[in-house]
Amino acid sequence: MPLVLLLLFFLFFVPWLGFLILAITLFLFLLVPLGFAARSLAWLVIGPRELYKVLSDRRVRKNHALEHGTINILEQQYGLPGLTGRAREDGFGLSGLPNPQLILETAELARERLAAGET
């Protein structure tokens, strides 16, 4: 309740500051959680299809293993946590890395490790 009274005070006596506080409050307490909720709901629709692709298509499964191997090496050797990727029939993609050469070199190392039998 005190936050509402403070917001009303600013809206009436210092309108520009009140609207700024209102905008920030709406963004933090309404739009950000709705964004997370929308992403989760979208994954409920997209997720099963992606999982089916990995389970049913041998090429996607191999690329998925290579993707995980690449991410694991990047996390272990370079300390890059929180990387995400997506495997497709023709390869995989990683988000969050600005250096494509590093991804290529690490993917080669991951491929060599997988070919040698490492899981």
PDB file of N, CA and C in Angstrom:
ATOM      1  N   MET A   1       0.814  -1.209   0.000  1.00  0.00           N
ATOM      2  CA  MET A   1       0.000   0.000   0.000  1.00  0.00           C
ATOM      3  C   MET A   1       0.855   1.269   0.000  1.00  0.00           C
ATOM      4  N   PRO A   2       1.952   1.321   0.763  1.00  0.00           N
ATOM      5  CA  PRO A   2       2.763   2.544   0.733  1.00  0.00           C
ATOM      6  C   PRO A   2       3.330   2.825  -0.656  1.00  0.00           C
ATOM      7  N   LEU A   3       3.608   1.773  -1.434  1.00  0.00           N
ATOM      8  CA  LEU A   3       4.132   1.977  -2.782  1.00  0.00           C
ATOM      9  C   LEU A   3       3.082   2.647  -3.663  1.00  0.00           C
ATOM     10  N   VAL A   4       1.826   2.253  -3.505  1.00  0.00           N
ATOM     11  CA  VAL A   4       0.745   2.852  -4.285  1.00  0.00           C
ATOM     12  C   VAL A   4       0.571   4.315  -3.907  1.00  0.00           C
ATOM     13  N   LEU A   5       0.625   4.612  -2.619  1.00  0.00           N
ATOM     14  CA  LEU A   5       0.506   6.009  -2.184  1.00  0.00           C
ATOM     15  C   LEU A   5       1.668   6.849  -2.704  1.00  0.00           C
ATOM     16  N   LEU A   6       2.859   6.293  -2.674  1.00  0.00           N
ATOM     17  CA  LEU A   6       4.024   7.007  -3.188  1.00  0.00           C
ATOM     18  C   LEU A   6       3.876   7.253  -4.687  1.00  0.00           C
ATOM     19  N   LEU A   7       3.395   6.266  -5.420  1.00  0.00           N
ATOM     20  CA  LEU A   7       3.193   6.417  -6.854  1.00  0.00           C
ATOM     21  C   LEU A   7       2.142   7.486  -7.137  1.00  0.00           C
ATOM     22  N   LEU A   8       1.036   7.478  -6.394  1.00  0.00           N
ATOM     23  CA  LEU A   8       0.003   8.509  -6.572  1.00  0.00           C
ATOM     24  C   LEU A   8       0.539   9.903  -6.260  1.00  0.00           C
ATOM     25  N   PHE A   9       1.364   9.998  -5.220  1.00  0.00           N
ATOM     26  CA  PHE A   9       1.980  11.282  -4.886  1.00  0.00           C
ATOM     27  C   PHE A   9       2.797  11.803  -6.062  1.00  0.00           C
ATOM     28  N   PHE A  10       3.635  10.925  -6.625  1.00  0.00           N
ATOM     29  CA  PHE A  10       4.466  11.357  -7.744  1.00  0.00           C
ATOM     30  C   PHE A  10       3.646  11.669  -8.992  1.00  0.00           C
ATOM     31  N   LEU A  11       2.557  10.910  -9.215  1.00  0.00           N
ATOM     32  CA  LEU A  11       1.722  11.172 -10.383  1.00  0.00           C
ATOM     33  C   LEU A  11       1.054  12.543 -10.310  1.00  0.00           C
ATOM     34  N   PHE A  12       0.691  12.989  -9.113  1.00  0.00           N
ATOM     35  CA  PHE A  12       0.002  14.266  -8.982  1.00  0.00           C
ATOM     36  C   PHE A  12       0.948  15.452  -8.836  1.00  0.00           C
ATOM     37  N   PHE A  13       2.070  15.268  -8.150  1.00  0.00           N
ATOM     38  CA  PHE A  13       2.929  16.410  -7.857  1.00  0.00           C
ATOM     39  C   PHE A  13       4.160  16.500  -8.757  1.00  0.00           C
ATOM     40  N   VAL A  14       4.649  15.389  -9.239  1.00  0.00           N
ATOM     41  CA  VAL A  14       5.781  15.387 -10.165  1.00  0.00           C
ATOM     42  C   VAL A  14       5.422  14.382 -11.270  1.00  0.00           C
ATOM     43  N   PRO A  15       4.561  14.799 -12.204  1.00  0.00           N
ATOM     44  CA  PRO A  15       3.999  13.840 -13.154  1.00  0.00           C
ATOM     45  C   PRO A  15       5.045  13.091 -13.992  1.00  0.00           C
ATOM     46  N   TRP A  16       6.073  13.769 -14.450  1.00  0.00           N
ATOM     47  CA  TRP A  16       7.050  13.087 -15.303  1.00  0.00           C
ATOM     48  C   TRP A  16       7.779  11.978 -14.538  1.00  0.00           C
ATOM     49  N   LEU A  17       8.073  12.245 -13.246  1.00  0.00           N
ATOM     50  CA  LEU A  17       8.737  11.228 -12.432  1.00  0.00           C
ATOM     51  C   LEU A  17       7.764  10.097 -12.086  1.00  0.00           C
ATOM     52  N   GLY A  18       6.509  10.464 -11.860  1.00  0.00           N
ATOM     53  CA  GLY A  18       5.490   9.452 -11.567  1.00  0.00           C
ATOM     54  C   GLY A  18       5.279   8.514 -12.746  1.00  0.00           C
ATOM     55  N   PHE A  19       5.229   9.071 -13.949  1.00  0.00           N
ATOM     56  CA  PHE A  19       5.063   8.225 -15.128  1.00  0.00           C
ATOM     57  C   PHE A  19       6.296   7.353 -15.376  1.00  0.00           C
ATOM     58  N   LEU A  20       7.459   7.874 -15.076  1.00  0.00           N
ATOM     59  CA  LEU A  20       8.679   7.081 -15.202  1.00  0.00           C
ATOM     60  C   LEU A  20       8.664   5.905 -14.222  1.00  0.00           C
ATOM     61  N   ILE A  21       8.297   6.182 -12.985  1.00  0.00           N
ATOM     62  CA  ILE A  21       8.204   5.119 -11.977  1.00  0.00           C
ATOM     63  C   ILE A  21       7.119   4.116 -12.370  1.00  0.00           C
ATOM     64  N   LEU A  22       5.994   4.598 -12.864  1.00  0.00           N
ATOM     65  CA  LEU A  22       4.913   3.718 -13.304  1.00  0.00           C
ATOM     66  C   LEU A  22       5.370   2.830 -14.459  1.00  0.00           C
ATOM     67  N   ALA A  23       6.088   3.393 -15.418  1.00  0.00           N
ATOM     68  CA  ALA A  23       6.568   2.620 -16.563  1.00  0.00           C
ATOM     69  C   ALA A  23       7.550   1.544 -16.116  1.00  0.00           C
ATOM     70  N   ILE A  24       8.475   1.900 -15.240  1.00  0.00           N
ATOM     71  CA  ILE A  24       9.448   0.928 -14.746  1.00  0.00           C
ATOM     72  C   ILE A  24       8.749  -0.167 -13.955  1.00  0.00           C
ATOM     73  N   THR A  25       7.790   0.209 -13.120  1.00  0.00           N
ATOM     74  CA  THR A  25       7.047  -0.763 -12.322  1.00  0.00           C
ATOM     75  C   THR A  25       6.272  -1.727 -13.212  1.00  0.00           C
ATOM     76  N   LEU A  26       5.576  -1.187 -14.219  1.00  0.00           N
ATOM     77  CA  LEU A  26       4.838  -2.053 -15.134  1.00  0.00           C
ATOM     78  C   LEU A  26       5.774  -2.994 -15.883  1.00  0.00           C
ATOM     79  N   PHE A  27       6.917  -2.480 -16.305  1.00  0.00           N
ATOM     80  CA  PHE A  27       7.879  -3.314 -17.024  1.00  0.00           C
ATOM     81  C   PHE A  27       8.386  -4.441 -16.142  1.00  0.00           C
ATOM     82  N   LEU A  28       8.789  -4.113 -14.925  1.00  0.00           N
ATOM     83  CA  LEU A  28       9.395  -5.115 -14.055  1.00  0.00           C
ATOM     84  C   LEU A  28       8.399  -6.137 -13.515  1.00  0.00           C
ATOM     85  N   PHE A  29       7.207  -5.666 -13.166  1.00  0.00           N
ATOM     86  CA  PHE A  29       6.259  -6.555 -12.495  1.00  0.00           C
ATOM     87  C   PHE A  29       5.176  -7.121 -13.393  1.00  0.00           C
ATOM     88  N   LEU A  30       5.097  -6.649 -14.638  1.00  0.00           N
ATOM     89  CA  LEU A  30       4.059  -7.162 -15.525  1.00  0.00           C
ATOM     90  C   LEU A  30       4.644  -7.721 -16.816  1.00  0.00           C
ATOM     91  N   LEU A  31       5.417  -6.925 -17.535  1.00  0.00           N
ATOM     92  CA  LEU A  31       5.887  -7.358 -18.847  1.00  0.00           C
ATOM     93  C   LEU A  31       6.985  -8.419 -18.771  1.00  0.00           C
ATOM     94  N   VAL A  32       7.912  -8.291 -17.855  1.00  0.00           N
ATOM     95  CA  VAL A  32       8.989  -9.279 -17.752  1.00  0.00           C
ATOM     96  C   VAL A  32       8.426 -10.652 -17.377  1.00  0.00           C
ATOM     97  N   PRO A  33       7.595 -10.760 -16.339  1.00  0.00           N
ATOM     98  CA  PRO A  33       7.029 -12.093 -16.047  1.00  0.00           C
ATOM     99  C   PRO A  33       6.163 -12.640 -17.180  1.00  0.00           C
ATOM    100  N   LEU A  34       5.435 -11.767 -17.882  1.00  0.00           N
ATOM    101  CA  LEU A  34       4.639 -12.241 -19.018  1.00  0.00           C
ATOM    102  C   LEU A  34       5.531 -12.753 -20.138  1.00  0.00           C
ATOM    103  N   GLY A  35       6.688 -12.129 -20.329  1.00  0.00           N
ATOM    104  CA  GLY A  35       7.634 -12.598 -21.337  1.00  0.00           C
ATOM    105  C   GLY A  35       8.149 -13.987 -21.008  1.00  0.00           C
ATOM    106  N   PHE A  36       8.499 -14.205 -19.733  1.00  0.00           N
ATOM    107  CA  PHE A  36       8.949 -15.534 -19.323  1.00  0.00           C
ATOM    108  C   PHE A  36       7.835 -16.559 -19.477  1.00  0.00           C
ATOM    109  N   ALA A  37       6.621 -16.172 -19.125  1.00  0.00           N
ATOM    110  CA  ALA A  37       5.492 -17.090 -19.245  1.00  0.00           C
ATOM    111  C   ALA A  37       5.224 -17.425 -20.715  1.00  0.00           C
ATOM    112  N   ALA A  38       5.301 -16.431 -21.579  1.00  0.00           N
ATOM    113  CA  ALA A  38       5.057 -16.680 -23.007  1.00  0.00           C
ATOM    114  C   ALA A  38       6.128 -17.604 -23.577  1.00  0.00           C
ATOM    115  N   ARG A  39       7.372 -17.418 -23.153  1.00  0.00           N
ATOM    116  CA  ARG A  39       8.442 -18.295 -23.637  1.00  0.00           C
ATOM    117  C   ARG A  39       8.213 -19.736 -23.166  1.00  0.00           C
ATOM    118  N   SER A  40       7.783 -19.897 -21.923  1.00  0.00           N
ATOM    119  CA  SER A  40       7.509 -21.240 -21.410  1.00  0.00           C
ATOM    120  C   SER A  40       6.340 -21.882 -22.140  1.00  0.00           C
ATOM    121  N   LEU A  41       5.305 -21.114 -22.403  1.00  0.00           N
ATOM    122  CA  LEU A  41       4.152 -21.653 -23.130  1.00  0.00           C
ATOM    123  C   LEU A  41       4.526 -22.012 -24.558  1.00  0.00           C
ATOM    124  N   ALA A  42       5.375 -21.200 -25.174  1.00  0.00           N
ATOM    125  CA  ALA A  42       5.823 -21.511 -26.530  1.00  0.00           C
ATOM    126  C   ALA A  42       6.617 -22.812 -26.532  1.00  0.00           C
ATOM    127  N   TRP A  43       7.434 -23.014 -25.497  1.00  0.00           N
ATOM    128  CA  TRP A  43       8.218 -24.247 -25.437  1.00  0.00           C
ATOM    129  C   TRP A  43       7.323 -25.475 -25.271  1.00  0.00           C
ATOM    130  N   LEU A  44       6.162 -25.319 -24.629  1.00  0.00           N
ATOM    131  CA  LEU A  44       5.232 -26.443 -24.516  1.00  0.00           C
ATOM    132  C   LEU A  44       4.725 -26.891 -25.884  1.00  0.00           C
ATOM    133  N   VAL A  45       4.683 -25.968 -26.827  1.00  0.00           N
ATOM    134  CA  VAL A  45       4.243 -26.297 -28.178  1.00  0.00           C
ATOM    135  C   VAL A  45       5.420 -26.783 -29.025  1.00  0.00           C
ATOM    136  N   ILE A  46       6.557 -26.096 -28.933  1.00  0.00           N
ATOM    137  CA  ILE A  46       7.714 -26.394 -29.769  1.00  0.00           C
ATOM    138  C   ILE A  46       8.498 -27.601 -29.247  1.00  0.00           C
ATOM    139  N   GLY A  47       8.592 -27.733 -27.938  1.00  0.00           N
ATOM    140  CA  GLY A  47       9.423 -28.752 -27.315  1.00  0.00           C
ATOM    141  C   GLY A  47       9.161 -30.170 -27.771  1.00  0.00           C
ATOM    142  N   PRO A  48       7.926 -30.648 -27.745  1.00  0.00           N
ATOM    143  CA  PRO A  48       7.684 -32.029 -28.177  1.00  0.00           C
ATOM    144  C   PRO A  48       8.099 -32.289 -29.627  1.00  0.00           C
ATOM    145  N   ARG A  49       7.902 -31.313 -30.500  1.00  0.00           N
ATOM    146  CA  ARG A  49       8.307 -31.479 -31.899  1.00  0.00           C
ATOM    147  C   ARG A  49       9.823 -31.590 -32.012  1.00  0.00           C
ATOM    148  N   GLU A  50      10.541 -30.740 -31.259  1.00  0.00           N
ATOM    149  CA  GLU A  50      12.004 -30.799 -31.272  1.00  0.00           C
ATOM    150  C   GLU A  50      12.497 -32.129 -30.704  1.00  0.00           C
ATOM    151  N   LEU A  51      11.897 -32.574 -29.635  1.00  0.00           N
ATOM    152  CA  LEU A  51      12.273 -33.851 -29.039  1.00  0.00           C
ATOM    153  C   LEU A  51      12.010 -35.007 -30.010  1.00  0.00           C
ATOM    154  N   TYR A  52      10.888 -34.957 -30.710  1.00  0.00           N
ATOM    155  CA  TYR A  52      10.580 -35.997 -31.693  1.00  0.00           C
ATOM    156  C   TYR A  52      11.629 -36.021 -32.805  1.00  0.00           C
ATOM    157  N   LYS A  53      12.065 -34.838 -33.243  1.00  0.00           N
ATOM    158  CA  LYS A  53      13.101 -34.778 -34.285  1.00  0.00           C
ATOM    159  C   LYS A  53      14.383 -35.449 -33.814  1.00  0.00           C
ATOM    160  N   VAL A  54      14.793 -35.162 -32.585  1.00  0.00           N
ATOM    161  CA  VAL A  54      16.021 -35.743 -32.051  1.00  0.00           C
ATOM    162  C   VAL A  54      15.883 -37.258 -31.936  1.00  0.00           C
ATOM    163  N   LEU A  55      14.727 -37.727 -31.510  1.00  0.00           N
ATOM    164  CA  LEU A  55      14.535 -39.161 -31.311  1.00  0.00           C
ATOM    165  C   LEU A  55      14.347 -39.933 -32.614  1.00  0.00           C
ATOM    166  N   SER A  56      13.789 -39.303 -33.619  1.00  0.00           N
ATOM    167  CA  SER A  56      13.429 -40.045 -34.826  1.00  0.00           C
ATOM    168  C   SER A  56      14.414 -39.888 -35.983  1.00  0.00           C
ATOM    169  N   ASP A  57      15.150 -38.810 -36.041  1.00  0.00           N
ATOM    170  CA  ASP A  57      16.049 -38.547 -37.168  1.00  0.00           C
ATOM    171  C   ASP A  57      17.498 -38.761 -36.736  1.00  0.00           C
ATOM    172  N   ARG A  58      18.163 -39.713 -37.376  1.00  0.00           N
ATOM    173  CA  ARG A  58      19.533 -40.070 -36.995  1.00  0.00           C
ATOM    174  C   ARG A  58      20.493 -38.889 -37.180  1.00  0.00           C
ATOM    175  N   ARG A  59      20.315 -38.112 -38.251  1.00  0.00           N
ATOM    176  CA  ARG A  59      21.204 -36.969 -38.497  1.00  0.00           C
ATOM    177  C   ARG A  59      21.056 -35.915 -37.401  1.00  0.00           C
ATOM    178  N   VAL A  60      19.823 -35.647 -36.993  1.00  0.00           N
ATOM    179  CA  VAL A  60      19.590 -34.669 -35.926  1.00  0.00           C
ATOM    180  C   VAL A  60      20.187 -35.176 -34.617  1.00  0.00           C
ATOM    181  N   ARG A  61      20.043 -36.469 -34.365  1.00  0.00           N
ATOM    182  CA  ARG A  61      20.587 -37.048 -33.137  1.00  0.00           C
ATOM    183  C   ARG A  61      22.115 -36.909 -33.096  1.00  0.00           C
ATOM    184  N   LYS A  62      22.777 -37.189 -34.217  1.00  0.00           N
ATOM    185  CA  LYS A  62      24.236 -37.030 -34.281  1.00  0.00           C
ATOM    186  C   LYS A  62      24.642 -35.574 -34.085  1.00  0.00           C
ATOM    187  N   ASN A  63      23.939 -34.676 -34.740  1.00  0.00           N
ATOM    188  CA  ASN A  63      24.259 -33.255 -34.588  1.00  0.00           C
ATOM    189  C   ASN A  63      23.973 -32.760 -33.174  1.00  0.00           C
ATOM    190  N   HIS A  64      22.966 -33.344 -32.552  1.00  0.00           N
ATOM    191  CA  HIS A  64      22.646 -32.988 -31.171  1.00  0.00           C
ATOM    192  C   HIS A  64      23.782 -33.421 -30.238  1.00  0.00           C
ATOM    193  N   ALA A  65      24.318 -34.613 -30.474  1.00  0.00           N
ATOM    194  CA  ALA A  65      25.454 -35.072 -29.674  1.00  0.00           C
ATOM    195  C   ALA A  65      26.661 -34.168 -29.890  1.00  0.00           C
ATOM    196  N   LEU A  66      26.899 -33.780 -31.131  1.00  0.00           N
ATOM    197  CA  LEU A  66      28.014 -32.878 -31.437  1.00  0.00           C
ATOM    198  C   LEU A  66      27.806 -31.503 -30.801  1.00  0.00           C
ATOM    199  N   GLU A  67      26.577 -31.057 -30.807  1.00  0.00           N
ATOM    200  CA  GLU A  67      26.243 -29.773 -30.158  1.00  0.00           C
ATOM    201  C   GLU A  67      26.564 -29.832 -28.668  1.00  0.00           C
ATOM    202  N   HIS A  68      26.117 -30.902 -27.998  1.00  0.00           N
ATOM    203  CA  HIS A  68      26.384 -31.033 -26.570  1.00  0.00           C
ATOM    204  C   HIS A  68      27.873 -31.159 -26.285  1.00  0.00           C
ATOM    205  N   GLY A  69      28.580 -31.924 -27.122  1.00  0.00           N
ATOM    206  CA  GLY A  69      30.017 -32.046 -26.943  1.00  0.00           C
ATOM    207  C   GLY A  69      30.721 -30.706 -27.083  1.00  0.00           C
ATOM    208  N   THR A  70      30.315 -29.932 -28.068  1.00  0.00           N
ATOM    209  CA  THR A  70      30.909 -28.609 -28.288  1.00  0.00           C
ATOM    210  C   THR A  70      30.645 -27.691 -27.101  1.00  0.00           C
ATOM    211  N   ILE A  71      29.422 -27.680 -26.624  1.00  0.00           N
ATOM    212  CA  ILE A  71      29.085 -26.830 -25.482  1.00  0.00           C
ATOM    213  C   ILE A  71      29.861 -27.255 -24.245  1.00  0.00           C
ATOM    214  N   ASN A  72      29.975 -28.566 -24.018  1.00  0.00           N
ATOM    215  CA  ASN A  72      30.727 -29.038 -22.849  1.00  0.00           C
ATOM    216  C   ASN A  72      32.186 -28.604 -22.912  1.00  0.00           C
ATOM    217  N   ILE A  73      32.810 -28.709 -24.069  1.00  0.00           N
ATOM    218  CA  ILE A  73      34.212 -28.289 -24.208  1.00  0.00           C
ATOM    219  C   ILE A  73      34.335 -26.784 -24.003  1.00  0.00           C
ATOM    220  N   LEU A  74      33.418 -26.019 -24.569  1.00  0.00           N
ATOM    221  CA  LEU A  74      33.469 -24.562 -24.397  1.00  0.00           C
ATOM    222  C   LEU A  74      33.314 -24.173 -22.928  1.00  0.00           C
ATOM    223  N   GLU A  75      32.461 -24.889 -22.211  1.00  0.00           N
ATOM    224  CA  GLU A  75      32.282 -24.600 -20.792  1.00  0.00           C
ATOM    225  C   GLU A  75      33.510 -24.997 -19.982  1.00  0.00           C
ATOM    226  N   GLN A  76      34.098 -26.155 -20.299  1.00  0.00           N
ATOM    227  CA  GLN A  76      35.244 -26.642 -19.532  1.00  0.00           C
ATOM    228  C   GLN A  76      36.513 -25.852 -19.837  1.00  0.00           C
ATOM    229  N   GLN A  77      36.823 -25.645 -21.107  1.00  0.00           N
ATOM    230  CA  GLN A  77      38.103 -25.041 -21.465  1.00  0.00           C
ATOM    231  C   GLN A  77      38.093 -23.514 -21.437  1.00  0.00           C
ATOM    232  N   TYR A  78      36.959 -22.918 -21.745  1.00  0.00           N
ATOM    233  CA  TYR A  78      36.918 -21.462 -21.866  1.00  0.00           C
ATOM    234  C   TYR A  78      36.046 -20.793 -20.806  1.00  0.00           C
ATOM    235  N   GLY A  79      35.392 -21.589 -19.973  1.00  0.00           N
ATOM    236  CA  GLY A  79      34.568 -21.019 -18.911  1.00  0.00           C
ATOM    237  C   GLY A  79      33.397 -20.212 -19.426  1.00  0.00           C
ATOM    238  N   LEU A  80      32.742 -20.704 -20.455  1.00  0.00           N
ATOM    239  CA  LEU A  80      31.598 -19.998 -21.039  1.00  0.00           C
ATOM    240  C   LEU A  80      30.308 -20.703 -20.638  1.00  0.00           C
ATOM    241  N   PRO A  81      29.721 -20.348 -19.492  1.00  0.00           N
ATOM    242  CA  PRO A  81      28.501 -21.025 -19.036  1.00  0.00           C
ATOM    243  C   PRO A  81      27.255 -20.498 -19.734  1.00  0.00           C
ATOM    244  N   GLY A  82      26.211 -21.292 -19.700  1.00  0.00           N
ATOM    245  CA  GLY A  82      24.898 -20.852 -20.166  1.00  0.00           C
ATOM    246  C   GLY A  82      24.731 -20.799 -21.668  1.00  0.00           C
ATOM    247  N   LEU A  83      25.541 -21.523 -22.425  1.00  0.00           N
ATOM    248  CA  LEU A  83      25.379 -21.538 -23.873  1.00  0.00           C
ATOM    249  C   LEU A  83      24.200 -22.420 -24.254  1.00  0.00           C
ATOM    250  N   THR A  84      23.535 -22.046 -25.311  1.00  0.00           N
ATOM    251  CA  THR A  84      22.422 -22.839 -25.809  1.00  0.00           C
ATOM    252  C   THR A  84      22.620 -23.108 -27.290  1.00  0.00           C
ATOM    253  N   GLY A  85      22.008 -24.168 -27.760  1.00  0.00           N
ATOM    254  CA  GLY A  85      22.118 -24.509 -29.167  1.00  0.00           C
ATOM    255  C   GLY A  85      20.891 -25.236 -29.647  1.00  0.00           C
ATOM    256  N   ARG A  86      20.865 -25.461 -30.943  1.00  0.00           N
ATOM    257  CA  ARG A  86      19.758 -26.190 -31.548  1.00  0.00           C
ATOM    258  C   ARG A  86      20.300 -27.021 -32.697  1.00  0.00           C
ATOM    259  N   ALA A  87      20.052 -28.326 -32.632  1.00  0.00           N
ATOM    260  CA  ALA A  87      20.501 -29.239 -33.679  1.00  0.00           C
ATOM    261  C   ALA A  87      19.454 -29.321 -34.782  1.00  0.00           C
ATOM    262  N   ARG A  88      19.948 -29.422 -36.004  1.00  0.00           N
ATOM    263  CA  ARG A  88      19.092 -29.580 -37.181  1.00  0.00           C
ATOM    264  C   ARG A  88      19.651 -30.720 -38.029  1.00  0.00           C
ATOM    265  N   GLU A  89      18.992 -30.991 -39.132  1.00  0.00           N
ATOM    266  CA  GLU A  89      19.449 -32.062 -40.016  1.00  0.00           C
ATOM    267  C   GLU A  89      20.815 -31.748 -40.622  1.00  0.00           C
ATOM    268  N   ASP A  90      21.067 -30.475 -40.905  1.00  0.00           N
ATOM    269  CA  ASP A  90      22.291 -30.088 -41.604  1.00  0.00           C
ATOM    270  C   ASP A  90      23.375 -29.545 -40.673  1.00  0.00           C
ATOM    271  N   GLY A  91      23.226 -29.688 -39.366  1.00  0.00           N
ATOM    272  CA  GLY A  91      24.240 -29.198 -38.434  1.00  0.00           C
ATOM    273  C   GLY A  91      23.595 -28.725 -37.148  1.00  0.00           C
ATOM    274  N   PHE A  92      24.254 -27.780 -36.512  1.00  0.00           N
ATOM    275  CA  PHE A  92      23.692 -27.202 -35.295  1.00  0.00           C
ATOM    276  C   PHE A  92      24.147 -25.757 -35.197  1.00  0.00           C
ATOM    277  N   GLY A  93      23.459 -25.009 -34.365  1.00  0.00           N
ATOM    278  CA  GLY A  93      23.809 -23.615 -34.137  1.00  0.00           C
ATOM    279  C   GLY A  93      23.906 -23.340 -32.648  1.00  0.00           C
ATOM    280  N   LEU A  94      24.802 -22.443 -32.284  1.00  0.00           N
ATOM    281  CA  LEU A  94      24.953 -22.018 -30.889  1.00  0.00           C
ATOM    282  C   LEU A  94      24.646 -20.543 -30.801  1.00  0.00           C
ATOM    283  N   SER A  95      24.040 -20.145 -29.710  1.00  0.00           N
ATOM    284  CA  SER A  95      23.794 -18.720 -29.502  1.00  0.00           C
ATOM    285  C   SER A  95      24.635 -18.241 -28.329  1.00  0.00           C
ATOM    286  N   GLY A  96      25.056 -17.025 -28.407  1.00  0.00           N
ATOM    287  CA  GLY A  96      25.798 -16.419 -27.315  1.00  0.00           C
ATOM    288  C   GLY A  96      27.293 -16.360 -27.524  1.00  0.00           C
ATOM    289  N   LEU A  97      27.789 -16.807 -28.671  1.00  0.00           N
ATOM    290  CA  LEU A  97      29.228 -16.749 -28.938  1.00  0.00           C
ATOM    291  C   LEU A  97      29.498 -15.842 -30.138  1.00  0.00           C
ATOM    292  N   PRO A  98      30.356 -14.850 -29.963  1.00  0.00           N
ATOM    293  CA  PRO A  98      30.626 -13.945 -31.075  1.00  0.00           C
ATOM    294  C   PRO A  98      31.683 -14.471 -32.054  1.00  0.00           C
ATOM    295  N   ASN A  99      32.425 -15.526 -31.690  1.00  0.00           N
ATOM    296  CA  ASN A  99      33.550 -15.974 -32.497  1.00  0.00           C
ATOM    297  C   ASN A  99      33.232 -17.300 -33.198  1.00  0.00           C
ATOM    298  N   PRO A 100      32.864 -17.279 -34.486  1.00  0.00           N
ATOM    299  CA  PRO A 100      32.542 -18.521 -35.193  1.00  0.00           C
ATOM    300  C   PRO A 100      33.750 -19.454 -35.326  1.00  0.00           C
ATOM    301  N   GLN A 101      34.946 -18.901 -35.404  1.00  0.00           N
ATOM    302  CA  GLN A 101      36.141 -19.735 -35.528  1.00  0.00           C
ATOM    303  C   GLN A 101      36.321 -20.601 -34.282  1.00  0.00           C
ATOM    304  N   LEU A 102      36.032 -20.030 -33.116  1.00  0.00           N
ATOM    305  CA  LEU A 102      36.125 -20.788 -31.869  1.00  0.00           C
ATOM    306  C   LEU A 102      35.121 -21.938 -31.864  1.00  0.00           C
ATOM    307  N   ILE A 103      33.925 -21.693 -32.360  1.00  0.00           N
ATOM    308  CA  ILE A 103      32.904 -22.741 -32.429  1.00  0.00           C
ATOM    309  C   ILE A 103      33.366 -23.853 -33.367  1.00  0.00           C
ATOM    310  N   LEU A 104      33.907 -23.479 -34.516  1.00  0.00           N
ATOM    311  CA  LEU A 104      34.363 -24.472 -35.486  1.00  0.00           C
ATOM    312  C   LEU A 104      35.485 -25.340 -34.918  1.00  0.00           C
ATOM    313  N   GLU A 105      36.469 -24.716 -34.292  1.00  0.00           N
ATOM    314  CA  GLU A 105      37.586 -25.472 -33.712  1.00  0.00           C
ATOM    315  C   GLU A 105      37.104 -26.403 -32.599  1.00  0.00           C
ATOM    316  N   THR A 106      36.212 -25.896 -31.763  1.00  0.00           N
ATOM    317  CA  THR A 106      35.699 -26.700 -30.656  1.00  0.00           C
ATOM    318  C   THR A 106      34.818 -27.840 -31.166  1.00  0.00           C
ATOM    319  N   ALA A 107      34.041 -27.590 -32.218  1.00  0.00           N
ATOM    320  CA  ALA A 107      33.212 -28.647 -32.799  1.00  0.00           C
ATOM    321  C   ALA A 107      34.084 -29.749 -33.394  1.00  0.00           C
ATOM    322  N   GLU A 108      35.208 -29.379 -34.000  1.00  0.00           N
ATOM    323  CA  GLU A 108      36.138 -30.386 -34.532  1.00  0.00           C
ATOM    324  C   GLU A 108      36.690 -31.256 -33.406  1.00  0.00           C
ATOM    325  N   LEU A 109      37.068 -30.618 -32.303  1.00  0.00           N
ATOM    326  CA  LEU A 109      37.572 -31.367 -31.149  1.00  0.00           C
ATOM    327  C   LEU A 109      36.489 -32.285 -30.585  1.00  0.00           C
ATOM    328  N   ALA A 110      35.264 -31.791 -30.508  1.00  0.00           N
ATOM    329  CA  ALA A 110      34.150 -32.608 -30.011  1.00  0.00           C
ATOM    330  C   ALA A 110      33.894 -33.782 -30.945  1.00  0.00           C
ATOM    331  N   ARG A 111      33.987 -33.552 -32.259  1.00  0.00           N
ATOM    332  CA  ARG A 111      33.787 -34.645 -33.221  1.00  0.00           C
ATOM    333  C   ARG A 111      34.859 -35.718 -33.053  1.00  0.00           C
ATOM    334  N   GLU A 112      36.093 -35.278 -32.860  1.00  0.00           N
ATOM    335  CA  GLU A 112      37.183 -36.241 -32.646  1.00  0.00           C
ATOM    336  C   GLU A 112      36.956 -37.057 -31.375  1.00  0.00           C
ATOM    337  N   ARG A 113      36.510 -36.395 -30.314  1.00  0.00           N
ATOM    338  CA  ARG A 113      36.254 -37.101 -29.053  1.00  0.00           C
ATOM    339  C   ARG A 113      35.112 -38.109 -29.205  1.00  0.00           C
ATOM    340  N   LEU A 114      34.051 -37.693 -29.908  1.00  0.00           N
ATOM    341  CA  LEU A 114      32.919 -38.605 -30.117  1.00  0.00           C
ATOM    342  C   LEU A 114      33.343 -39.797 -30.969  1.00  0.00           C
ATOM    343  N   ALA A 115      34.156 -39.546 -31.992  1.00  0.00           N
ATOM    344  CA  ALA A 115      34.617 -40.628 -32.861  1.00  0.00           C
ATOM    345  C   ALA A 115      35.525 -41.606 -32.089  1.00  0.00           C
ATOM    346  N   ALA A 116      36.231 -41.105 -31.063  1.00  0.00           N
ATOM    347  CA  ALA A 116      37.096 -41.952 -30.256  1.00  0.00           C
ATOM    348  C   ALA A 116      36.313 -42.729 -29.194  1.00  0.00           C
ATOM    349  N   GLY A 117      35.014 -42.482 -29.107  1.00  0.00           N
ATOM    350  CA  GLY A 117      34.180 -43.251 -28.185  1.00  0.00           C
ATOM    351  C   GLY A 117      33.790 -42.524 -26.900  1.00  0.00           C
ATOM    352  N   GLU A 118      34.217 -41.280 -26.743  1.00  0.00           N
ATOM    353  CA  GLU A 118      33.838 -40.529 -25.547  1.00  0.00           C
ATOM    354  C   GLU A 118      32.351 -40.183 -25.616  1.00  0.00           C
ATOM    355  N   THR A 119      31.685 -40.265 -24.478  1.00  0.00           N
ATOM    356  CA  THR A 119      30.238 -39.933 -24.460  1.00  0.00           C
ATOM    357  C   THR A 119      30.018 -38.607 -23.777  1.00  0.00           C
TER     358      THR A 119
END
